[in-house]
PDB file of N, CA and C in Angstrom:
ATOM      1  N   MET A   1     -71.662 -18.071 -26.236  1.00  0.00           N
ATOM      2  CA  MET A   1     -70.429 -18.224 -25.520  1.00  0.00           C
ATOM      3  C   MET A   1     -70.634 -19.061 -24.268  1.00  0.00           C
ATOM      4  N   ALA A   2     -69.634 -19.837 -23.999  1.00  0.00           N
ATOM      5  CA  ALA A   2     -69.723 -20.663 -22.810  1.00  0.00           C
ATOM      6  C   ALA A   2     -69.044 -19.914 -21.676  1.00  0.00           C
ATOM      7  N   SER A   3     -69.723 -19.746 -20.610  1.00  0.00           N
ATOM      8  CA  SER A   3     -69.134 -19.052 -19.466  1.00  0.00           C
ATOM      9  C   SER A   3     -68.592 -20.084 -18.490  1.00  0.00           C
ATOM     10  N   ILE A   4     -67.560 -19.678 -17.806  1.00  0.00           N
ATOM     11  CA  ILE A   4     -66.917 -20.560 -16.841  1.00  0.00           C
ATOM     12  C   ILE A   4     -67.612 -20.352 -15.502  1.00  0.00           C
ATOM     13  N   SER A   5     -67.917 -21.443 -14.858  1.00  0.00           N
ATOM     14  CA  SER A   5     -68.580 -21.323 -13.563  1.00  0.00           C
ATOM     15  C   SER A   5     -67.573 -20.856 -12.516  1.00  0.00           C
ATOM     16  N   ASP A   6     -68.093 -20.374 -11.438  1.00  0.00           N
ATOM     17  CA  ASP A   6     -67.234 -19.867 -10.362  1.00  0.00           C
ATOM     18  C   ASP A   6     -66.342 -20.967  -9.785  1.00  0.00           C
ATOM     19  N   GLU A   7     -66.849 -22.156  -9.668  1.00  0.00           N
ATOM     20  CA  GLU A   7     -66.068 -23.271  -9.126  1.00  0.00           C
ATOM     21  C   GLU A   7     -64.908 -23.616 -10.053  1.00  0.00           C
ATOM     22  N   GLU A   8     -65.192 -23.647 -11.348  1.00  0.00           N
ATOM     23  CA  GLU A   8     -64.149 -23.983 -12.316  1.00  0.00           C
ATOM     24  C   GLU A   8     -63.084 -22.880 -12.356  1.00  0.00           C
ATOM     25  N   ALA A   9     -63.483 -21.639 -12.278  1.00  0.00           N
ATOM     26  CA  ALA A   9     -62.542 -20.523 -12.258  1.00  0.00           C
ATOM     27  C   ALA A   9     -61.681 -20.579 -10.994  1.00  0.00           C
ATOM     28  N   LYS A  10     -62.304 -20.919  -9.881  1.00  0.00           N
ATOM     29  CA  LYS A  10     -61.581 -21.027  -8.631  1.00  0.00           C
ATOM     30  C   LYS A  10     -60.537 -22.131  -8.704  1.00  0.00           C
ATOM     31  N   LYS A  11     -60.900 -23.276  -9.323  1.00  0.00           N
ATOM     32  CA  LYS A  11     -59.964 -24.384  -9.470  1.00  0.00           C
ATOM     33  C   LYS A  11     -58.796 -23.988 -10.359  1.00  0.00           C
ATOM     34  N   ARG A  12     -59.065 -23.278 -11.440  1.00  0.00           N
ATOM     35  CA  ARG A  12     -57.994 -22.851 -12.344  1.00  0.00           C
ATOM     36  C   ARG A  12     -57.020 -21.903 -11.641  1.00  0.00           C
ATOM     37  N   VAL A  13     -57.561 -20.990 -10.864  1.00  0.00           N
ATOM     38  CA  VAL A  13     -56.695 -20.065 -10.127  1.00  0.00           C
ATOM     39  C   VAL A  13     -55.853 -20.827  -9.117  1.00  0.00           C
ATOM     40  N   GLN A  14     -56.460 -21.777  -8.416  1.00  0.00           N
ATOM     41  CA  GLN A  14     -55.712 -22.576  -7.443  1.00  0.00           C
ATOM     42  C   GLN A  14     -54.615 -23.389  -8.123  1.00  0.00           C
ATOM     43  N   GLU A  15     -54.930 -23.971  -9.279  1.00  0.00           N
ATOM     44  CA  GLU A  15     -53.931 -24.732 -10.016  1.00  0.00           C
ATOM     45  C   GLU A  15     -52.770 -23.835 -10.462  1.00  0.00           C
ATOM     46  N   ALA A  16     -53.098 -22.632 -10.916  1.00  0.00           N
ATOM     47  CA  ALA A  16     -52.051 -21.699 -11.347  1.00  0.00           C
ATOM     48  C   ALA A  16     -51.176 -21.286 -10.163  1.00  0.00           C
ATOM     49  N   VAL A  17     -51.812 -21.028  -9.035  1.00  0.00           N
ATOM     50  CA  VAL A  17     -51.059 -20.646  -7.836  1.00  0.00           C
ATOM     51  C   VAL A  17     -50.147 -21.788  -7.405  1.00  0.00           C
ATOM     52  N   TRP A  18     -50.659 -23.015  -7.367  1.00  0.00           N
ATOM     53  CA  TRP A  18     -49.843 -24.155  -6.966  1.00  0.00           C
ATOM     54  C   TRP A  18     -48.723 -24.419  -7.977  1.00  0.00           C
ATOM     55  N   THR A  19     -49.037 -24.230  -9.250  1.00  0.00           N
ATOM     56  CA  THR A  19     -48.008 -24.427 -10.276  1.00  0.00           C
ATOM     57  C   THR A  19     -46.865 -23.442 -10.077  1.00  0.00           C
ATOM     58  N   TRP A  20     -47.194 -22.168  -9.895  1.00  0.00           N
ATOM     59  CA  TRP A  20     -46.141 -21.160  -9.721  1.00  0.00           C
ATOM     60  C   TRP A  20     -45.434 -21.307  -8.385  1.00  0.00           C
ATOM     61  N   THR A  21     -46.147 -21.743  -7.371  1.00  0.00           N
ATOM     62  CA  THR A  21     -45.511 -22.000  -6.083  1.00  0.00           C
ATOM     63  C   THR A  21     -44.506 -23.142  -6.214  1.00  0.00           C
ATOM     64  N   GLY A  22     -44.893 -24.190  -6.912  1.00  0.00           N
ATOM     65  CA  GLY A  22     -43.987 -25.315  -7.136  1.00  0.00           C
ATOM     66  C   GLY A  22     -42.758 -24.890  -7.929  1.00  0.00           C
ATOM     67  N   ARG A  23     -42.964 -24.077  -8.948  1.00  0.00           N
ATOM     68  CA  ARG A  23     -41.830 -23.589  -9.740  1.00  0.00           C
ATOM     69  C   ARG A  23     -40.893 -22.748  -8.869  1.00  0.00           C
ATOM     70  N   PHE A  24     -41.466 -21.901  -8.026  1.00  0.00           N
ATOM     71  CA  PHE A  24     -40.648 -21.071  -7.143  1.00  0.00           C
ATOM     72  C   PHE A  24     -39.859 -21.926  -6.162  1.00  0.00           C
ATOM     73  N   VAL A  25     -40.502 -22.949  -5.616  1.00  0.00           N
ATOM     74  CA  VAL A  25     -39.816 -23.835  -4.662  1.00  0.00           C
ATOM     75  C   VAL A  25     -38.666 -24.570  -5.351  1.00  0.00           C
ATOM     76  N   VAL A  26     -38.900 -25.059  -6.557  1.00  0.00           N
ATOM     77  CA  VAL A  26     -37.846 -25.755  -7.293  1.00  0.00           C
ATOM     78  C   VAL A  26     -36.694 -24.794  -7.592  1.00  0.00           C
ATOM     79  N   LEU A  27     -37.009 -23.585  -8.016  1.00  0.00           N
ATOM     80  CA  LEU A  27     -35.972 -22.598  -8.312  1.00  0.00           C
ATOM     81  C   LEU A  27     -35.190 -22.234  -7.048  1.00  0.00           C
ATOM     82  N   ALA A  28     -35.886 -22.060  -5.923  1.00  0.00           N
ATOM     83  CA  ALA A  28     -35.213 -21.754  -4.662  1.00  0.00           C
ATOM     84  C   ALA A  28     -34.318 -22.920  -4.239  1.00  0.00           C
ATOM     85  N   PHE A  29     -34.786 -24.146  -4.434  1.00  0.00           N
ATOM     86  CA  PHE A  29     -33.968 -25.312  -4.097  1.00  0.00           C
ATOM     87  C   PHE A  29     -32.712 -25.370  -4.966  1.00  0.00           C
ATOM     88  N   ILE A  30     -32.862 -25.082  -6.257  1.00  0.00           N
ATOM     89  CA  ILE A  30     -31.708 -25.121  -7.161  1.00  0.00           C
ATOM     90  C   ILE A  30     -30.681 -24.076  -6.750  1.00  0.00           C
ATOM     91  N   PHE A  31     -31.128 -22.848  -6.461  1.00  0.00           N
ATOM     92  CA  PHE A  31     -30.197 -21.817  -6.027  1.00  0.00           C
ATOM     93  C   PHE A  31     -29.557 -22.173  -4.689  1.00  0.00           C
ATOM     94  N   GLY A  32     -30.337 -22.696  -3.762  1.00  0.00           N
ATOM     95  CA  GLY A  32     -29.788 -23.096  -2.470  1.00  0.00           C
ATOM     96  C   GLY A  32     -28.754 -24.203  -2.615  1.00  0.00           C
ATOM     97  N   ALA A  33     -29.037 -25.176  -3.463  1.00  0.00           N
ATOM     98  CA  ALA A  33     -28.079 -26.258  -3.689  1.00  0.00           C
ATOM     99  C   ALA A  33     -26.818 -25.718  -4.350  1.00  0.00           C
ATOM    100  N   GLY A  34     -26.983 -24.737  -5.248  1.00  0.00           N
ATOM    101  CA  GLY A  34     -25.815 -24.141  -5.893  1.00  0.00           C
ATOM    102  C   GLY A  34     -24.934 -23.399  -4.905  1.00  0.00           C
ATOM    103  N   PHE A  35     -25.557 -22.625  -4.043  1.00  0.00           N
ATOM    104  CA  PHE A  35     -24.777 -21.906  -3.028  1.00  0.00           C
ATOM    105  C   PHE A  35     -24.091 -22.882  -2.070  1.00  0.00           C
ATOM    106  N   PHE A  36     -24.794 -23.923  -1.690  1.00  0.00           N
ATOM    107  CA  PHE A  36     -24.213 -24.907  -0.780  1.00  0.00           C
ATOM    108  C   PHE A  36     -23.037 -25.633  -1.431  1.00  0.00           C
ATOM    109  N   SER A  37     -23.201 -26.056  -2.680  1.00  0.00           N
ATOM    110  CA  SER A  37     -22.092 -26.744  -3.351  1.00  0.00           C
ATOM    111  C   SER A  37     -20.928 -25.786  -3.586  1.00  0.00           C
ATOM    112  N   GLY A  38     -21.214 -24.513  -3.851  1.00  0.00           N
ATOM    113  CA  GLY A  38     -20.140 -23.527  -3.976  1.00  0.00           C
ATOM    114  C   GLY A  38     -19.398 -23.350  -2.672  1.00  0.00           C
ATOM    115  N   TYR A  39     -20.133 -23.339  -1.587  1.00  0.00           N
ATOM    116  CA  TYR A  39     -19.487 -23.235  -0.270  1.00  0.00           C
ATOM    117  C   TYR A  39     -18.593 -24.432  -0.016  1.00  0.00           C
ATOM    118  N   LEU A  40     -19.097 -25.622  -0.335  1.00  0.00           N
ATOM    119  CA  LEU A  40     -18.294 -26.823  -0.118  1.00  0.00           C
ATOM    120  C   LEU A  40     -17.070 -26.846  -1.017  1.00  0.00           C
ATOM    121  N   ALA A  41     -17.229 -26.389  -2.258  1.00  0.00           N
ATOM    122  CA  ALA A  41     -16.121 -26.469  -3.206  1.00  0.00           C
ATOM    123  C   ALA A  41     -15.065 -25.406  -2.946  1.00  0.00           C
ATOM    124  N   TRP A  42     -15.496 -24.177  -2.654  1.00  0.00           N
ATOM    125  CA  TRP A  42     -14.529 -23.088  -2.559  1.00  0.00           C
ATOM    126  C   TRP A  42     -14.386 -22.510  -1.156  1.00  0.00           C
ATOM    127  N   GLY A  43     -15.370 -22.672  -0.316  1.00  0.00           N
ATOM    128  CA  GLY A  43     -15.304 -22.052   0.995  1.00  0.00           C
ATOM    129  C   GLY A  43     -14.757 -22.950   2.077  1.00  0.00           C
ATOM    130  N   ALA A  44     -14.987 -24.239   1.974  1.00  0.00           N
ATOM    131  CA  ALA A  44     -14.612 -25.123   3.075  1.00  0.00           C
ATOM    132  C   ALA A  44     -13.645 -26.215   2.657  1.00  0.00           C
ATOM    133  N   GLY A  45     -13.230 -26.229   1.426  1.00  0.00           N
ATOM    134  CA  GLY A  45     -12.340 -27.284   0.954  1.00  0.00           C
ATOM    135  C   GLY A  45     -10.922 -27.082   1.434  1.00  0.00           C
ATOM    136  N   GLU A  46     -10.023 -27.849   0.853  1.00  0.00           N
ATOM    137  CA  GLU A  46      -8.613 -27.775   1.230  1.00  0.00           C
ATOM    138  C   GLU A  46      -8.047 -26.386   0.964  1.00  0.00           C
ATOM    139  N   MET A  47      -8.462 -25.776  -0.117  1.00  0.00           N
ATOM    140  CA  MET A  47      -8.021 -24.427  -0.449  1.00  0.00           C
ATOM    141  C   MET A  47      -9.141 -23.429  -0.166  1.00  0.00           C
ATOM    142  N   GLY A  48      -9.968 -23.729   0.823  1.00  0.00           N
ATOM    143  CA  GLY A  48     -11.078 -22.875   1.181  1.00  0.00           C
ATOM    144  C   GLY A  48     -10.660 -21.730   2.083  1.00  0.00           C
ATOM    145  N   ALA A  49     -11.616 -20.873   2.360  1.00  0.00           N
ATOM    146  CA  ALA A  49     -11.342 -19.668   3.136  1.00  0.00           C
ATOM    147  C   ALA A  49     -10.799 -19.989   4.527  1.00  0.00           C
ATOM    148  N   ARG A  50     -11.349 -21.008   5.169  1.00  0.00           N
ATOM    149  CA  ARG A  50     -10.894 -21.348   6.521  1.00  0.00           C
ATOM    150  C   ARG A  50      -9.423 -21.741   6.545  1.00  0.00           C
ATOM    151  N   ASN A  51      -8.995 -22.456   5.537  1.00  0.00           N
ATOM    152  CA  ASN A  51      -7.608 -22.913   5.505  1.00  0.00           C
ATOM    153  C   ASN A  51      -6.664 -21.853   4.969  1.00  0.00           C
ATOM    154  N   LEU A  52      -7.183 -20.886   4.218  1.00  0.00           N
ATOM    155  CA  LEU A  52      -6.311 -19.872   3.632  1.00  0.00           C
ATOM    156  C   LEU A  52      -6.126 -18.650   4.524  1.00  0.00           C
ATOM    157  N   ARG A  53      -6.951 -18.487   5.542  1.00  0.00           N
ATOM    158  CA  ARG A  53      -6.821 -17.310   6.416  1.00  0.00           C
ATOM    159  C   ARG A  53      -5.460 -17.218   7.100  1.00  0.00           C
ATOM    160  N   PRO A  54      -4.940 -18.287   7.703  1.00  0.00           N
ATOM    161  CA  PRO A  54      -3.608 -18.179   8.327  1.00  0.00           C
ATOM    162  C   PRO A  54      -2.521 -17.846   7.299  1.00  0.00           C
ATOM    163  N   LEU A  55      -2.626 -18.419   6.112  1.00  0.00           N
ATOM    164  CA  LEU A  55      -1.651 -18.127   5.063  1.00  0.00           C
ATOM    165  C   LEU A  55      -1.721 -16.654   4.671  1.00  0.00           C
ATOM    166  N   ARG A  56      -2.934 -16.115   4.577  1.00  0.00           N
ATOM    167  CA  ARG A  56      -3.106 -14.706   4.226  1.00  0.00           C
ATOM    168  C   ARG A  56      -2.464 -13.805   5.271  1.00  0.00           C
ATOM    169  N   GLU A  57      -2.625 -14.155   6.537  1.00  0.00           N
ATOM    170  CA  GLU A  57      -2.043 -13.339   7.607  1.00  0.00           C
ATOM    171  C   GLU A  57      -0.520 -13.344   7.534  1.00  0.00           C
ATOM    172  N   THR A  58       0.084 -14.505   7.282  1.00  0.00           N
ATOM    173  CA  THR A  58       1.542 -14.552   7.182  1.00  0.00           C
ATOM    174  C   THR A  58       2.024 -13.798   5.948  1.00  0.00           C
ATOM    175  N   LEU A  59       1.288 -13.924   4.846  1.00  0.00           N
ATOM    176  CA  LEU A  59       1.684 -13.197   3.639  1.00  0.00           C
ATOM    177  C   LEU A  59       1.548 -11.688   3.819  1.00  0.00           C
ATOM    178  N   GLU A  60       0.509 -11.251   4.516  1.00  0.00           N
ATOM    179  CA  GLU A  60       0.357  -9.822   4.787  1.00  0.00           C
ATOM    180  C   GLU A  60       1.495  -9.315   5.670  1.00  0.00           C
ATOM    181  N   ALA A  61       1.913 -10.128   6.631  1.00  0.00           N
ATOM    182  CA  ALA A  61       3.037  -9.733   7.488  1.00  0.00           C
ATOM    183  C   ALA A  61       4.313  -9.611   6.662  1.00  0.00           C
ATOM    184  N   LYS A  62       4.537 -10.545   5.734  1.00  0.00           N
ATOM    185  CA  LYS A  62       5.713 -10.471   4.869  1.00  0.00           C
ATOM    186  C   LYS A  62       5.668  -9.244   3.967  1.00  0.00           C
ATOM    187  N   VAL A  63       4.498  -8.940   3.419  1.00  0.00           N
ATOM    188  CA  VAL A  63       4.355  -7.766   2.554  1.00  0.00           C
ATOM    189  C   VAL A  63       4.629  -6.494   3.340  1.00  0.00           C
ATOM    190  N   THR A  64       4.129  -6.418   4.561  1.00  0.00           N
ATOM    191  CA  THR A  64       4.389  -5.255   5.412  1.00  0.00           C
ATOM    192  C   THR A  64       5.873  -5.116   5.697  1.00  0.00           C
ATOM    193  N   GLU A  65       6.526  -6.232   5.997  1.00  0.00           N
ATOM    194  CA  GLU A  65       7.965  -6.205   6.260  1.00  0.00           C
ATOM    195  C   GLU A  65       8.743  -5.745   5.027  1.00  0.00           C
ATOM    196  N   ILE A  66       8.370  -6.243   3.871  1.00  0.00           N
ATOM    197  CA  ILE A  66       9.048  -5.849   2.629  1.00  0.00           C
ATOM    198  C   ILE A  66       8.821  -4.375   2.331  1.00  0.00           C
ATOM    199  N   ASN A  67       7.603  -3.892   2.559  1.00  0.00           N
ATOM    200  CA  ASN A  67       7.331  -2.463   2.343  1.00  0.00           C
ATOM    201  C   ASN A  67       8.159  -1.599   3.292  1.00  0.00           C
ATOM    202  N   ASN A  68       8.305  -2.028   4.531  1.00  0.00           N
ATOM    203  CA  ASN A  68       9.133  -1.278   5.485  1.00  0.00           C
ATOM    204  C   ASN A  68      10.592  -1.260   5.044  1.00  0.00           C
ATOM    205  N   LYS A  69      11.090  -2.397   4.561  1.00  0.00           N
ATOM    206  CA  LYS A  69      12.470  -2.448   4.075  1.00  0.00           C
ATOM    207  C   LYS A  69      12.649  -1.535   2.863  1.00  0.00           C
ATOM    208  N   ARG A  70      11.652  -1.503   1.995  1.00  0.00           N
ATOM    209  CA  ARG A  70      11.728  -0.644   0.810  1.00  0.00           C
ATOM    210  C   ARG A  70      11.796   0.820   1.205  1.00  0.00           C
ATOM    211  N   VAL A  71      10.981   1.220   2.179  1.00  0.00           N
ATOM    212  CA  VAL A  71      11.001   2.602   2.654  1.00  0.00           C
ATOM    213  C   VAL A  71      12.363   2.922   3.263  1.00  0.00           C
ATOM    214  N   ASP A  72      12.921   1.994   4.038  1.00  0.00           N
ATOM    215  CA  ASP A  72      14.252   2.199   4.623  1.00  0.00           C
ATOM    216  C   ASP A  72      15.310   2.363   3.527  1.00  0.00           C
ATOM    217  N   CYS A  73      15.246   1.513   2.519  1.00  0.00           N
ATOM    218  CA  CYS A  73      16.231   1.599   1.430  1.00  0.00           C
ATOM    219  C   CYS A  73      16.082   2.911   0.661  1.00  0.00           C
ATOM    220  N   GLU A  74      14.835   3.350   0.447  1.00  0.00           N
ATOM    221  CA  GLU A  74      14.632   4.615  -0.253  1.00  0.00           C
ATOM    222  C   GLU A  74      15.172   5.790   0.554  1.00  0.00           C
ATOM    223  N   SER A  75      14.991   5.750   1.862  1.00  0.00           N
ATOM    224  CA  SER A  75      15.515   6.835   2.690  1.00  0.00           C
ATOM    225  C   SER A  75      17.039   6.806   2.718  1.00  0.00           C
ATOM    226  N   LYS A  76      17.636   5.619   2.782  1.00  0.00           N
ATOM    227  CA  LYS A  76      19.101   5.516   2.733  1.00  0.00           C
ATOM    228  C   LYS A  76      19.634   6.021   1.391  1.00  0.00           C
ATOM    229  N   LEU A  77      18.933   5.690   0.317  1.00  0.00           N
ATOM    230  CA  LEU A  77      19.350   6.159  -1.005  1.00  0.00           C
ATOM    231  C   LEU A  77      19.271   7.680  -1.084  1.00  0.00           C
ATOM    232  N   SER A  78      18.245   8.253  -0.513  1.00  0.00           N
ATOM    233  CA  SER A  78      18.098   9.711  -0.516  1.00  0.00           C
ATOM    234  C   SER A  78      19.231  10.373   0.260  1.00  0.00           C
ATOM    235  N   VAL A  79      19.524   9.850   1.444  1.00  0.00           N
ATOM    236  CA  VAL A  79      20.608  10.411   2.262  1.00  0.00           C
ATOM    237  C   VAL A  79      21.945  10.241   1.541  1.00  0.00           C
ATOM    238  N   THR A  80      22.178   9.092   0.951  1.00  0.00           N
ATOM    239  CA  THR A  80      23.427   8.841   0.226  1.00  0.00           C
ATOM    240  C   THR A  80      23.558   9.790  -0.961  1.00  0.00           C
ATOM    241  N   GLY A  81      22.463  10.033  -1.662  1.00  0.00           N
ATOM    242  CA  GLY A  81      22.488  10.963  -2.789  1.00  0.00           C
ATOM    243  C   GLY A  81      22.808  12.381  -2.352  1.00  0.00           C
ATOM    244  N   GLN A  82      22.259  12.804  -1.222  1.00  0.00           N
ATOM    245  CA  GLN A  82      22.552  14.146  -0.703  1.00  0.00           C
ATOM    246  C   GLN A  82      24.024  14.258  -0.305  1.00  0.00           C
ATOM    247  N   ARG A  83      24.547  13.233   0.329  1.00  0.00           N
ATOM    248  CA  ARG A  83      25.954  13.259   0.740  1.00  0.00           C
ATOM    249  C   ARG A  83      26.878  13.257  -0.480  1.00  0.00           C
ATOM    250  N   LEU A  84      26.490  12.525  -1.520  1.00  0.00           N
ATOM    251  CA  LEU A  84      27.279  12.505  -2.746  1.00  0.00           C
ATOM    252  C   LEU A  84      27.320  13.895  -3.378  1.00  0.00           C
ATOM    253  N   GLU A  85      26.180  14.565  -3.403  1.00  0.00           N
ATOM    254  CA  GLU A  85      26.141  15.922  -3.954  1.00  0.00           C
ATOM    255  C   GLU A  85      27.031  16.868  -3.142  1.00  0.00           C
ATOM    256  N   GLU A  86      26.994  16.737  -1.816  1.00  0.00           N
ATOM    257  CA  GLU A  86      27.846  17.573  -0.962  1.00  0.00           C
ATOM    258  C   GLU A  86      29.326  17.313  -1.246  1.00  0.00           C
ATOM    259  N   CYS A  87      29.680  16.051  -1.379  1.00  0.00           N
ATOM    260  CA  CYS A  87      31.081  15.703  -1.662  1.00  0.00           C
ATOM    261  C   CYS A  87      31.508  16.245  -3.030  1.00  0.00           C
ATOM    262  N   GLN A  88      30.628  16.162  -4.018  1.00  0.00           N
ATOM    263  CA  GLN A  88      30.959  16.673  -5.341  1.00  0.00           C
ATOM    264  C   GLN A  88      31.117  18.196  -5.321  1.00  0.00           C
ATOM    265  N   LYS A  89      30.279  18.871  -4.547  1.00  0.00           N
ATOM    266  CA  LYS A  89      30.406  20.332  -4.436  1.00  0.00           C
ATOM    267  C   LYS A  89      31.724  20.702  -3.762  1.00  0.00           C
ATOM    268  N   LYS A  90      32.082  19.975  -2.674  1.00  0.00           N
ATOM    269  CA  LYS A  90      33.352  20.242  -1.994  1.00  0.00           C
ATOM    270  C   LYS A  90      34.530  19.964  -2.904  1.00  0.00           C
ATOM    271  N   ALA A  91      34.448  18.901  -3.679  1.00  0.00           N
ATOM    272  CA  ALA A  91      35.536  18.566  -4.600  1.00  0.00           C
ATOM    273  C   ALA A  91      35.651  19.633  -5.684  1.00  0.00           C
ATOM    274  N   ALA A  92      34.544  20.126  -6.181  1.00  0.00           N
ATOM    275  CA  ALA A  92      34.563  21.164  -7.211  1.00  0.00           C
ATOM    276  C   ALA A  92      35.123  22.457  -6.638  1.00  0.00           C
ATOM    277  N   ALA A  93      34.741  22.779  -5.405  1.00  0.00           N
ATOM    278  CA  ALA A  93      35.249  23.994  -4.753  1.00  0.00           C
ATOM    279  C   ALA A  93      36.744  23.860  -4.488  1.00  0.00           C
ATOM    280  N   ALA A  94      37.192  22.709  -4.064  1.00  0.00           N
ATOM    281  CA  ALA A  94      38.613  22.469  -3.799  1.00  0.00           C
ATOM    282  C   ALA A  94      39.416  22.549  -5.096  1.00  0.00           C
ATOM    283  N   ALA A  95      38.845  22.035  -6.192  1.00  0.00           N
ATOM    284  CA  ALA A  95      39.545  22.077  -7.465  1.00  0.00           C
ATOM    285  C   ALA A  95      39.635  23.493  -7.992  1.00  0.00           C
ATOM    286  N   ALA A  96      38.644  24.318  -7.704  1.00  0.00           N
ATOM    287  CA  ALA A  96      38.648  25.704  -8.170  1.00  0.00           C
ATOM    288  C   ALA A  96      39.638  26.523  -7.390  1.00  0.00           C
ATOM    289  N   VAL A  97      39.835  26.245  -6.096  1.00  0.00           N
ATOM    290  CA  VAL A  97      40.746  26.993  -5.234  1.00  0.00           C
ATOM    291  C   VAL A  97      42.192  26.569  -5.501  1.00  0.00           C
ATOM    292  N   ALA A  98      42.434  25.324  -5.672  1.00  0.00           N
ATOM    293  CA  ALA A  98      43.801  24.821  -5.865  1.00  0.00           C
ATOM    294  C   ALA A  98      44.297  25.237  -7.244  1.00  0.00           C
ATOM    295  N   PRO A  99      45.568  25.648  -7.319  1.00  0.00           N
ATOM    296  CA  PRO A  99      46.120  26.030  -8.617  1.00  0.00           C
ATOM    297  C   PRO A  99      46.330  24.778  -9.477  1.00  0.00           C
ATOM    298  N   ALA A 100      46.170  24.952 -10.744  1.00  0.00           N
ATOM    299  CA  ALA A 100      46.328  23.840 -11.673  1.00  0.00           C
ATOM    300  C   ALA A 100      47.810  23.440 -11.773  1.00  0.00           C
ATOM    301  N   PRO A 101      48.139  22.185 -11.764  1.00  0.00           N
ATOM    302  CA  PRO A 101      49.549  21.763 -11.864  1.00  0.00           C
ATOM    303  C   PRO A 101      50.109  22.119 -13.245  1.00  0.00           C
ATOM    304  N   GLN A 102      51.394  22.567 -13.219  1.00  0.00           N
ATOM    305  CA  GLN A 102      52.027  22.978 -14.469  1.00  0.00           C
ATOM    306  C   GLN A 102      53.101  22.061 -14.899  1.00  0.00           C
TER     307      GLN A 102
END
C-alpha cells in the first residue's frame, strides 16, 4: 500500500478547506444578492414599503371610521327595534281594551 506523506495530506486538507470556504462564500453572495434585489424590487420600489406606509395609515383611519359608523348603526337599530316592540305591545293592549266595532 502506498501511504500518503504528511505534506501531501496537509495539502489535501487545505485544498478541501479552501474549496468549501469558496463554496460558502459564493452561496453567501448569492443569498445576499437575492435579499438585496428583493429589497429593491419590493421594499424600496414605487409600490414598496416606504411608499405604502402613508397609504396604509389613511386606509386604517378609514376602516376605523367605518367600524365606528357600523357600531353606531347597530346601536340605533337595536334602540329602534326595542321602541317598535314597545309600540306593538301598546297597540295590542289598546286593541284588547277597546271594544270591537259592530
